[in-house]
Structures are given as C-alpha cells and as structure tokens.
Amino acid sequence: MLGVQLAYGGELAVIGVILGVIGFILIGFTSLWPYPSKPVVTSVSPVETMPLSPTAPAWESQQTGQVAMFSRTISWPVLVDPQAGELDDNERRRVLDGLGIVADAWCAGILAKAFEEEEGDLRVAAIEALGQCDGDVVGPTLERAYSSYVVAERYAAIDGASRRADVPLLERALRDTDATVATAAAYGLHRAKRDDLIEANLAGRDDARANEIRRVLSVLA
C-alpha cells in the first residue's frame, strides 16, 4: 500500500517539474517579444465638441448666424394724430372709413400710406376709402391695387376706378380672369358711357365671362 502511494506521488512530482519548466520558457519568451511603438487605444474622446441647441441641429448652430425677424410697422395713424399711439384693427378700420367720408387730397395721401402698410381686410378698406377721394395719388394707387393677386383688392380698385371714370383702368379690367371684377369693369364703362369699348372687347368672345357681362348690360340698358 505504501509503495503505491510513493509511486503516485512520484508521478505528480514529475508533472509539477514539467509545468514549471514550461512556465519559465513562456516568461522568457514574452520578455523577448517587442512592445508596440504606438500606445494601444483604450478609449476615445472628441477633439472638438459642438454645442447643441434644443431647437436647431448642430450643423445649423455652426453654419448660420442670427435669424432676422421682420414685423409689419403700422405708422399711418400718426399722420392723422401724432398722439394716436397703437390702434387695434377695429380702431384703424373706423379711421379708414372716416377718411373715406372726408375724401379730400389730405385723406388720400394717408389712405395711400395705409394701403402700403395694411394687409387683409384693412387693406381692402383702405382701397375702398381711397376710391372715394380726390387727389393726384388716387389714380396711381388704384392701379397698383389692381395689380394685386387678391380678388377683393382688385374689385375694390375697379370700384374706385368706376367712381372716377378711369376708362383706361376699366378697359384693362374688362379682361380680368375673375368674372366679378370683369363685370364691375363693364359696369364702370357703361356708367362712363363707353359701351363701344365693351362691345369691342367682347367681339368674337363666347366664353362664360363675356356672356355674363352681356347679360348684366342688357339688364342695365
């Protein structure tokens, strides 16, 4: 029994010696292995950081400057009263209507300024009031108003031209793409006793607008 234990212990000793020799060989081998010339990258950090905005992408914050904000300035009321201050839409509408009632050259100048500054319904109101005024500024401003893409503004301009018997502008509007504007122009020419221009412009036409104008004129005749 003792002999068996000694034999088994001898085998373990031999295995231990072999493992020790292998360990020394590996240590010597790794000591001779050359280290890399560049350090091993273990982490990455950004060289340059870009501030982020919660409302704009990073590239916009770097490539664009401040955004200019434009707002309409309504200054024409101070031409009526230097102490007018800021007026709301309803107040400005009442002033525009009042200027159209007075309707002199002084009012026309203010209304022309209002036409430049207002928009929407108030701009239409300025055109309507201007059409009732006298003054050199009225005709050119009505021509500019008629050049608008907004039908209500063109109609107001032609209504004013009809009051003034502005035949060239009325004849131009007779070919308007909107039937209501074209009919208003025909009515203005009829008031100015220029049915000959209406007939000349409608000659050879059989479209819906031309027929509507003929129908209206037959009623007025």
Protein backbone atom coordinates (compact mmCIF):
# COMPACT_ATOMS: atom_id res chain seq x y z
CA MET A 1 0.00 0.00 0.00
CA LEU A 2 2.81 2.37 0.90
CA GLY A 3 4.57 1.53 -2.34
CA VAL A 4 1.52 2.54 -4.36
CA GLN A 5 1.33 5.94 -2.64
CA LEU A 6 5.03 6.61 -3.26
CA ALA A 7 4.63 5.72 -6.92
CA TYR A 8 1.61 8.04 -7.28
CA GLY A 9 3.49 10.88 -5.51
CA GLY A 10 6.44 10.42 -7.84
CA GLU A 11 4.20 10.86 -10.89
CA LEU A 12 2.79 14.13 -9.50
CA ALA A 13 6.28 15.43 -8.86
CA VAL A 14 7.29 14.74 -12.45
CA ILE A 15 4.20 16.60 -13.76
CA GLY A 16 4.96 19.57 -11.50
CA VAL A 17 8.55 19.76 -12.78
CA ILE A 18 7.32 19.70 -16.38
CA LEU A 19 4.78 22.51 -15.77
CA GLY A 20 7.44 24.63 -14.04
CA VAL A 21 9.81 24.27 -16.98
CA ILE A 22 7.06 25.29 -19.42
CA GLY A 23 6.28 28.38 -17.27
CA PHE A 24 9.89 29.56 -17.26
CA ILE A 25 10.09 29.11 -21.03
CA LEU A 26 6.93 31.25 -21.57
CA ILE A 27 8.22 34.00 -19.26
CA GLY A 28 11.49 34.18 -21.13
CA PHE A 29 9.72 34.17 -24.47
CA THR A 30 7.39 37.06 -23.60
CA SER A 31 10.29 39.12 -22.22
CA LEU A 32 11.90 38.97 -25.65
CA TRP A 33 8.65 40.00 -27.51
CA PRO A 34 8.92 43.65 -28.81
CA TYR A 35 6.44 46.21 -27.41
CA PRO A 36 4.40 48.17 -29.99
CA SER A 37 5.76 51.61 -30.93
CA LYS A 38 2.31 53.19 -30.52
CA PRO A 39 0.16 53.02 -27.43
CA VAL A 40 -2.90 50.84 -27.52
CA VAL A 41 -6.10 52.91 -27.82
CA THR A 42 -8.36 52.05 -24.93
CA SER A 43 -10.79 55.00 -25.11
CA VAL A 44 -11.81 57.76 -27.46
CA SER A 45 -12.59 61.38 -26.53
CA PRO A 46 -13.67 64.10 -29.01
CA VAL A 47 -11.05 66.63 -30.03
CA GLU A 48 -13.69 69.33 -30.64
CA THR A 49 -17.19 69.48 -29.29
CA MET A 50 -20.12 71.28 -30.93
CA PRO A 51 -22.73 72.97 -28.77
CA LEU A 52 -26.16 71.55 -29.36
CA SER A 53 -29.29 73.65 -29.40
CA PRO A 54 -32.55 72.07 -28.29
CA THR A 55 -34.32 73.67 -31.26
CA ALA A 56 -31.75 73.51 -34.06
CA PRO A 57 -29.44 70.81 -35.45
CA ALA A 58 -25.75 71.05 -34.64
CA TRP A 59 -24.77 72.00 -38.19
CA GLU A 60 -27.14 74.96 -38.14
CA SER A 61 -25.67 76.27 -34.91
CA GLN A 62 -22.23 76.28 -36.53
CA GLN A 63 -23.09 77.46 -40.04
CA THR A 64 -25.83 80.05 -39.60
CA GLY A 65 -25.90 83.32 -37.75
CA GLN A 66 -28.75 85.06 -36.04
CA VAL A 67 -32.10 84.87 -37.83
CA ALA A 68 -33.58 88.29 -38.60
CA MET A 69 -37.22 88.68 -37.60
CA PHE A 70 -39.37 91.15 -39.54
CA SER A 71 -42.67 92.56 -38.39
CA ARG A 72 -45.06 94.98 -40.05
CA THR A 73 -44.89 98.56 -38.89
CA ILE A 74 -48.19 100.46 -38.90
CA SER A 75 -47.31 104.14 -38.89
CA TRP A 76 -50.07 105.78 -40.92
CA PRO A 77 -52.36 106.60 -37.91
CA VAL A 78 -49.82 109.16 -36.64
CA LEU A 79 -50.40 111.10 -39.87
CA VAL A 80 -53.95 111.66 -38.62
CA ASP A 81 -53.00 112.26 -34.99
CA PRO A 82 -49.36 112.31 -33.80
CA GLN A 83 -50.59 111.12 -30.39
CA ALA A 84 -52.59 108.22 -31.81
CA GLY A 85 -50.34 105.52 -30.40
CA GLU A 86 -51.07 101.89 -31.25
CA LEU A 87 -54.58 101.23 -32.57
CA ASP A 88 -56.17 97.82 -32.89
CA ASP A 89 -57.79 96.55 -36.09
CA ASN A 90 -61.27 97.84 -35.27
CA GLU A 91 -59.98 101.31 -34.39
CA ARG A 92 -57.94 101.54 -37.57
CA ARG A 93 -60.95 100.41 -39.61
CA ARG A 94 -63.04 103.27 -38.18
CA VAL A 95 -60.32 105.77 -39.04
CA LEU A 96 -60.08 104.45 -42.60
CA ASP A 97 -63.84 104.75 -43.07
CA GLY A 98 -63.76 108.29 -41.70
CA LEU A 99 -61.01 109.31 -44.10
CA GLY A 100 -63.10 107.96 -46.97
CA ILE A 101 -66.01 110.15 -45.86
CA VAL A 102 -63.91 113.33 -45.76
CA ALA A 103 -62.29 112.23 -49.04
CA ASP A 104 -60.01 115.19 -49.73
CA ALA A 105 -56.44 115.14 -51.00
CA TRP A 106 -55.03 115.08 -47.44
CA CYS A 107 -57.08 111.96 -46.68
CA ALA A 108 -55.99 110.38 -49.97
CA GLY A 109 -52.32 110.69 -49.01
CA ILE A 110 -52.94 108.96 -45.68
CA LEU A 111 -55.01 106.22 -47.30
CA ALA A 112 -52.27 105.58 -49.84
CA LYS A 113 -49.88 105.09 -46.91
CA ALA A 114 -52.38 102.76 -45.24
CA PHE A 115 -52.59 100.75 -48.46
CA GLU A 116 -48.83 100.22 -48.28
CA GLU A 117 -48.80 99.12 -44.64
CA GLU A 118 -52.04 97.21 -44.08
CA GLU A 119 -52.99 93.74 -45.25
CA GLY A 120 -56.12 91.62 -45.49
CA ASP A 121 -59.49 93.26 -44.85
CA LEU A 122 -57.91 96.52 -43.69
CA ARG A 123 -56.02 96.87 -46.94
CA VAL A 124 -59.26 96.36 -48.87
CA ALA A 125 -60.90 99.00 -46.65
CA ALA A 126 -58.08 101.44 -47.45
CA ILE A 127 -58.59 100.87 -51.20
CA GLU A 128 -62.35 101.33 -50.90
CA ALA A 129 -61.92 104.59 -48.98
CA LEU A 130 -59.25 105.80 -51.38
CA GLY A 131 -61.59 105.26 -54.33
CA GLN A 132 -63.89 107.93 -52.90
CA CYS A 133 -61.14 110.55 -52.56
CA ASP A 134 -59.75 113.32 -54.72
CA GLY A 135 -56.06 113.84 -55.27
CA ASP A 136 -53.20 113.02 -57.60
CA VAL A 137 -52.19 109.96 -55.59
CA VAL A 138 -55.53 108.20 -56.05
CA GLY A 139 -55.19 107.02 -59.67
CA PRO A 140 -51.66 105.54 -59.39
CA THR A 141 -52.53 103.82 -56.11
CA LEU A 142 -55.66 102.26 -57.58
CA GLU A 143 -53.59 100.96 -60.50
CA ARG A 144 -51.17 99.35 -58.04
CA ALA A 145 -54.07 97.87 -56.09
CA TYR A 146 -55.49 96.37 -59.26
CA SER A 147 -52.18 94.56 -59.83
CA SER A 148 -52.80 92.50 -56.68
CA TYR A 149 -53.34 88.75 -56.75
CA VAL A 150 -56.18 89.19 -54.24
CA VAL A 151 -59.57 89.38 -55.97
CA ALA A 152 -61.11 91.57 -53.23
CA GLU A 153 -58.34 94.15 -53.69
CA ARG A 154 -58.76 94.19 -57.46
CA TYR A 155 -62.52 94.54 -57.12
CA ALA A 156 -62.14 97.46 -54.69
CA ALA A 157 -59.70 99.13 -57.09
CA ILE A 158 -62.11 98.78 -60.02
CA ASP A 159 -64.98 100.08 -57.93
CA GLY A 160 -62.90 103.17 -57.21
CA ALA A 161 -61.96 103.48 -60.89
CA SER A 162 -65.65 103.32 -61.77
CA ARG A 163 -66.39 106.23 -59.43
CA ARG A 164 -63.59 108.23 -61.06
CA ALA A 165 -64.46 107.16 -64.63
CA ASP A 166 -60.89 105.90 -65.07
CA VAL A 167 -61.52 104.48 -68.54
CA PRO A 168 -58.03 103.01 -69.22
CA LEU A 169 -58.05 101.03 -65.96
CA LEU A 170 -61.64 99.91 -66.51
CA GLU A 171 -60.90 98.70 -70.02
CA ARG A 172 -57.89 96.79 -68.72
CA ALA A 173 -60.02 95.13 -66.03
CA LEU A 174 -62.64 94.12 -68.60
CA ARG A 175 -60.31 91.20 -69.40
CA ASP A 176 -59.80 90.21 -65.76
CA THR A 177 -59.71 86.48 -65.03
CA ASP A 178 -62.33 86.91 -62.28
CA ALA A 179 -65.91 87.32 -63.52
CA THR A 180 -66.97 89.68 -60.73
CA VAL A 181 -64.09 92.05 -61.42
CA ALA A 182 -64.67 91.97 -65.18
CA THR A 183 -68.38 92.65 -64.70
CA ALA A 184 -67.65 95.56 -62.35
CA ALA A 185 -65.32 96.99 -65.00
CA ALA A 186 -68.06 96.68 -67.64
CA TYR A 187 -70.49 98.45 -65.35
CA GLY A 188 -67.95 101.25 -64.85
CA LEU A 189 -67.51 101.67 -68.58
CA HIS A 190 -71.26 101.70 -69.00
CA ARG A 191 -71.53 104.48 -66.41
CA ALA A 192 -68.83 106.38 -68.30
CA LYS A 193 -70.92 105.97 -71.47
CA ARG A 194 -68.24 103.87 -73.17
CA ASP A 195 -70.32 100.89 -74.27
CA ASP A 196 -68.32 100.99 -77.50
CA LEU A 197 -65.25 99.77 -75.60
CA ILE A 198 -67.27 96.98 -74.05
CA GLU A 199 -68.54 95.81 -77.43
CA ALA A 200 -65.07 95.98 -78.93
CA ASN A 201 -63.59 93.86 -76.15
CA LEU A 202 -66.41 91.31 -76.27
CA ALA A 203 -66.41 90.94 -80.07
CA GLY A 204 -65.84 87.34 -81.08
CA ARG A 205 -65.98 86.08 -77.50
CA ASP A 206 -68.45 83.43 -76.39
CA ASP A 207 -67.00 82.44 -73.02
CA ALA A 208 -68.90 82.46 -69.73
CA ARG A 209 -67.49 85.81 -68.57
CA ALA A 210 -68.35 87.55 -71.82
CA ASN A 211 -71.88 86.17 -71.74
CA GLU A 212 -72.35 87.27 -68.13
CA ILE A 213 -71.24 90.79 -69.00
CA ARG A 214 -73.71 90.88 -71.91
CA ARG A 215 -76.48 89.69 -69.58
CA VAL A 216 -75.74 92.38 -66.99
CA LEU A 217 -75.56 95.11 -69.60
CA SER A 218 -78.89 94.03 -71.06
CA VAL A 219 -80.44 94.47 -67.63
CA LEU A 220 -78.89 97.91 -67.23
CA ALA A 221 -79.96 99.09 -70.68
